[in-house]
Amino acid sequence: MPLTWTPDPATVPWHDVQADEVWTEGPITAADAEALLTVTGYSCEVVGLEPLPGLLVQADAAGVTASAPKALAGVFPPLDIEYQIKGVTGHCAAFDELPAEADEVIRFVPNPANTKDWTLRVTAHCADALTGAAQDFTADFILRVWANFDPGRDALKEAVNARRR
């Protein structure tokens, strides 16, 4: 009794977004064409090598919806920002960590990754139409986030310009 998922989890990626994009996608749903199973609800686990701050996932009886109501900030953090204060070199990993007293930004090393993937592991909780026995079915949906290097470029320009005034 396999379920039919909408959208098809075989489509990779399920959803493609820019890191600075605001979006909503879904619902992800499942149905049994033979009507031997009734879907009673859904749950979802986000699986990845790192957390995805800013991603909201709602799972209820209607399906699973994922969204990013704000940009997914921090997905592609710089590897290093090197600066100087009175000739002494320092390093930080984000522009909001750059000390205000920094005289100059010496070097900026952007994150080399251009995409990162997360899996939305969706489980459809079902009841057998004849016996009422509970059964769970799971499918994986790939969310691909693309880097947009414009915010890093702009932050670098602002940091450099602020120290040259």
Protein backbone atom coordinates (compact mmCIF):
# COMPACT_ATOMS: atom_id res chain seq x y z
CA MET A 1 0.00 0.00 0.00
CA PRO A 2 2.37 2.72 -1.08
CA LEU A 3 1.36 6.32 -0.73
CA THR A 4 1.55 8.83 -3.55
CA TRP A 5 3.39 11.94 -2.43
CA THR A 6 2.73 15.42 -3.77
CA PRO A 7 5.14 16.76 -4.83
CA ASP A 8 7.13 13.72 -5.93
CA PRO A 9 10.10 13.21 -3.55
CA ALA A 10 12.11 11.82 -6.47
CA THR A 11 12.37 15.37 -7.82
CA VAL A 12 15.69 16.69 -6.51
CA PRO A 13 15.77 19.34 -5.32
CA TRP A 14 12.20 19.61 -4.11
CA HIS A 15 12.70 23.35 -3.66
CA ASP A 16 15.51 25.67 -4.84
CA VAL A 17 16.00 29.04 -3.09
CA GLN A 18 18.51 31.85 -2.77
CA ALA A 19 19.76 32.36 0.79
CA ASP A 20 18.40 35.91 0.83
CA GLU A 21 14.97 34.98 -0.57
CA VAL A 22 11.69 35.09 1.37
CA TRP A 23 9.51 32.12 0.43
CA THR A 24 6.80 29.62 1.36
CA GLU A 25 6.46 26.18 -0.19
CA GLY A 26 3.91 23.43 0.34
CA PRO A 27 1.95 21.71 1.44
CA ILE A 28 3.67 18.37 1.04
CA THR A 29 0.94 15.74 1.19
CA ALA A 30 0.42 12.02 0.67
CA ALA A 31 -2.58 9.96 -0.37
CA ASP A 32 -3.45 6.33 -0.92
CA ALA A 33 -5.02 5.88 -4.37
CA GLU A 34 -6.59 2.60 -3.23
CA ALA A 35 -8.19 4.29 -0.20
CA LEU A 36 -6.92 1.54 2.09
CA LEU A 37 -5.13 4.08 4.26
CA THR A 38 -6.31 7.35 5.72
CA VAL A 39 -3.67 9.99 6.44
CA THR A 40 -4.33 11.32 9.94
CA GLY A 41 -1.47 13.82 10.15
CA TYR A 42 2.11 14.63 9.31
CA SER A 43 5.38 15.29 11.08
CA CYS A 44 8.66 16.62 9.74
CA GLU A 45 12.30 16.52 10.74
CA VAL A 46 14.90 18.82 9.14
CA VAL A 47 18.12 16.90 8.54
CA GLY A 48 21.41 18.51 7.53
CA LEU A 49 25.06 18.86 8.39
CA GLU A 50 24.22 22.04 10.29
CA PRO A 51 21.08 23.76 11.60
CA LEU A 52 19.13 25.99 9.22
CA PRO A 53 18.18 29.04 11.29
CA GLY A 54 15.23 30.96 9.92
CA LEU A 55 13.53 27.93 8.35
CA LEU A 56 10.00 27.43 9.67
CA VAL A 57 8.27 24.10 9.21
CA GLN A 58 4.60 23.56 9.97
CA ALA A 59 3.26 20.01 10.04
CA ASP A 60 -0.43 19.36 10.66
CA ALA A 61 -3.32 17.30 9.29
CA ALA A 62 -3.24 19.26 6.00
CA GLY A 63 0.42 18.51 5.21
CA VAL A 64 3.84 20.05 5.70
CA THR A 65 4.65 23.62 4.72
CA ALA A 66 8.16 25.10 4.86
CA SER A 67 8.96 28.79 4.75
CA ALA A 68 11.62 31.40 5.28
CA PRO A 69 9.78 34.59 6.32
CA LYS A 70 13.17 36.33 6.48
CA ALA A 71 16.41 35.69 4.62
CA LEU A 72 18.27 32.58 5.76
CA ALA A 73 21.07 34.68 7.23
CA GLY A 74 24.26 32.95 8.20
CA VAL A 75 23.91 29.97 5.87
CA PHE A 76 27.09 30.96 4.04
CA PRO A 77 29.17 32.83 6.65
CA PRO A 78 32.57 34.20 5.65
CA LEU A 79 35.53 32.01 6.53
CA ASP A 80 37.52 34.95 7.83
CA ILE A 81 37.54 38.73 8.12
CA GLU A 82 40.97 40.12 8.94
CA TYR A 83 41.24 43.64 10.32
CA GLN A 84 43.72 45.94 12.05
CA ILE A 85 43.44 48.15 15.10
CA LYS A 86 46.48 50.44 15.52
CA GLY A 87 48.66 48.01 13.56
CA VAL A 88 47.53 44.92 15.47
CA THR A 89 45.84 42.29 13.32
CA GLY A 90 42.64 40.62 14.46
CA HIS A 91 40.18 38.17 12.96
CA CYS A 92 36.43 37.68 13.16
CA ALA A 93 33.89 35.50 11.40
CA ALA A 94 31.05 37.97 10.79
CA PHE A 95 30.69 41.66 10.02
CA ASP A 96 28.61 42.22 13.15
CA GLU A 97 31.66 41.00 15.14
CA LEU A 98 33.96 43.53 13.44
CA PRO A 99 35.07 45.98 16.15
CA ALA A 100 33.97 49.56 15.55
CA GLU A 101 37.49 50.72 16.36
CA ALA A 102 39.02 48.64 13.52
CA ASP A 103 41.14 50.96 11.39
CA GLU A 104 41.06 48.83 8.27
CA VAL A 105 39.64 45.63 6.84
CA ILE A 106 42.68 43.81 5.48
CA ARG A 107 41.21 40.65 4.03
CA PHE A 108 37.82 39.03 3.46
CA VAL A 109 37.57 35.30 2.75
CA PRO A 110 34.07 34.37 1.57
CA ASN A 111 32.52 30.97 2.07
CA PRO A 112 33.50 28.89 -0.99
CA ALA A 113 30.27 26.86 -1.03
CA ASN A 114 27.68 27.93 -3.56
CA THR A 115 24.92 25.52 -2.45
CA LYS A 116 23.93 23.59 0.64
CA ASP A 117 21.23 20.94 0.92
CA TRP A 118 18.89 20.05 3.77
CA THR A 119 16.43 17.18 3.87
CA LEU A 120 12.86 17.59 5.01
CA ARG A 121 12.04 14.09 6.24
CA VAL A 122 8.25 14.03 6.12
CA THR A 123 6.27 11.28 7.82
CA ALA A 124 2.63 10.65 6.96
CA HIS A 125 0.82 9.10 9.91
CA CYS A 126 -1.90 6.78 8.61
CA ALA A 127 -4.68 4.56 9.83
CA ASP A 128 -5.67 1.37 8.03
CA ALA A 129 -9.20 1.94 6.71
CA LEU A 130 -10.27 -1.59 7.66
CA THR A 131 -8.54 -2.25 10.97
CA GLY A 132 -7.63 1.24 12.17
CA ALA A 133 -4.05 0.06 12.76
CA ALA A 134 -1.51 2.87 12.71
CA GLN A 135 1.16 2.94 10.02
CA ASP A 136 3.79 5.54 9.19
CA PHE A 137 5.30 6.27 5.78
CA THR A 138 8.31 8.55 5.30
CA ALA A 139 9.71 10.42 2.30
CA ASP A 140 12.67 12.77 1.97
CA PHE A 141 12.42 16.14 0.21
CA ILE A 142 15.61 18.05 -0.62
CA LEU A 143 15.76 21.79 0.02
CA ARG A 144 18.67 23.38 -1.86
CA VAL A 145 19.86 26.80 -0.73
CA TRP A 146 22.03 28.80 -3.12
CA ALA A 147 24.52 31.38 -1.93
CA ASN A 148 23.99 34.97 -2.91
CA PHE A 149 27.30 36.73 -2.46
CA ASP A 150 25.82 40.22 -2.88
CA PRO A 151 25.07 40.75 0.86
CA GLY A 152 28.67 39.81 1.77
CA ARG A 153 30.03 42.09 -0.94
CA ASP A 154 27.82 44.94 0.27
CA ALA A 155 28.78 44.40 3.92
CA LEU A 156 32.46 44.41 2.93
CA LYS A 157 32.03 47.67 1.00
CA GLU A 158 30.25 49.26 3.97
CA ALA A 159 32.94 48.10 6.41
CA VAL A 160 35.75 49.40 4.20
CA ASN A 161 34.00 52.70 3.44
CA ALA A 162 33.21 53.31 7.12
CA ARG A 163 36.92 53.17 7.91
CA ARG A 164 37.95 55.48 5.08
CA ARG A 165 35.82 58.45 6.08
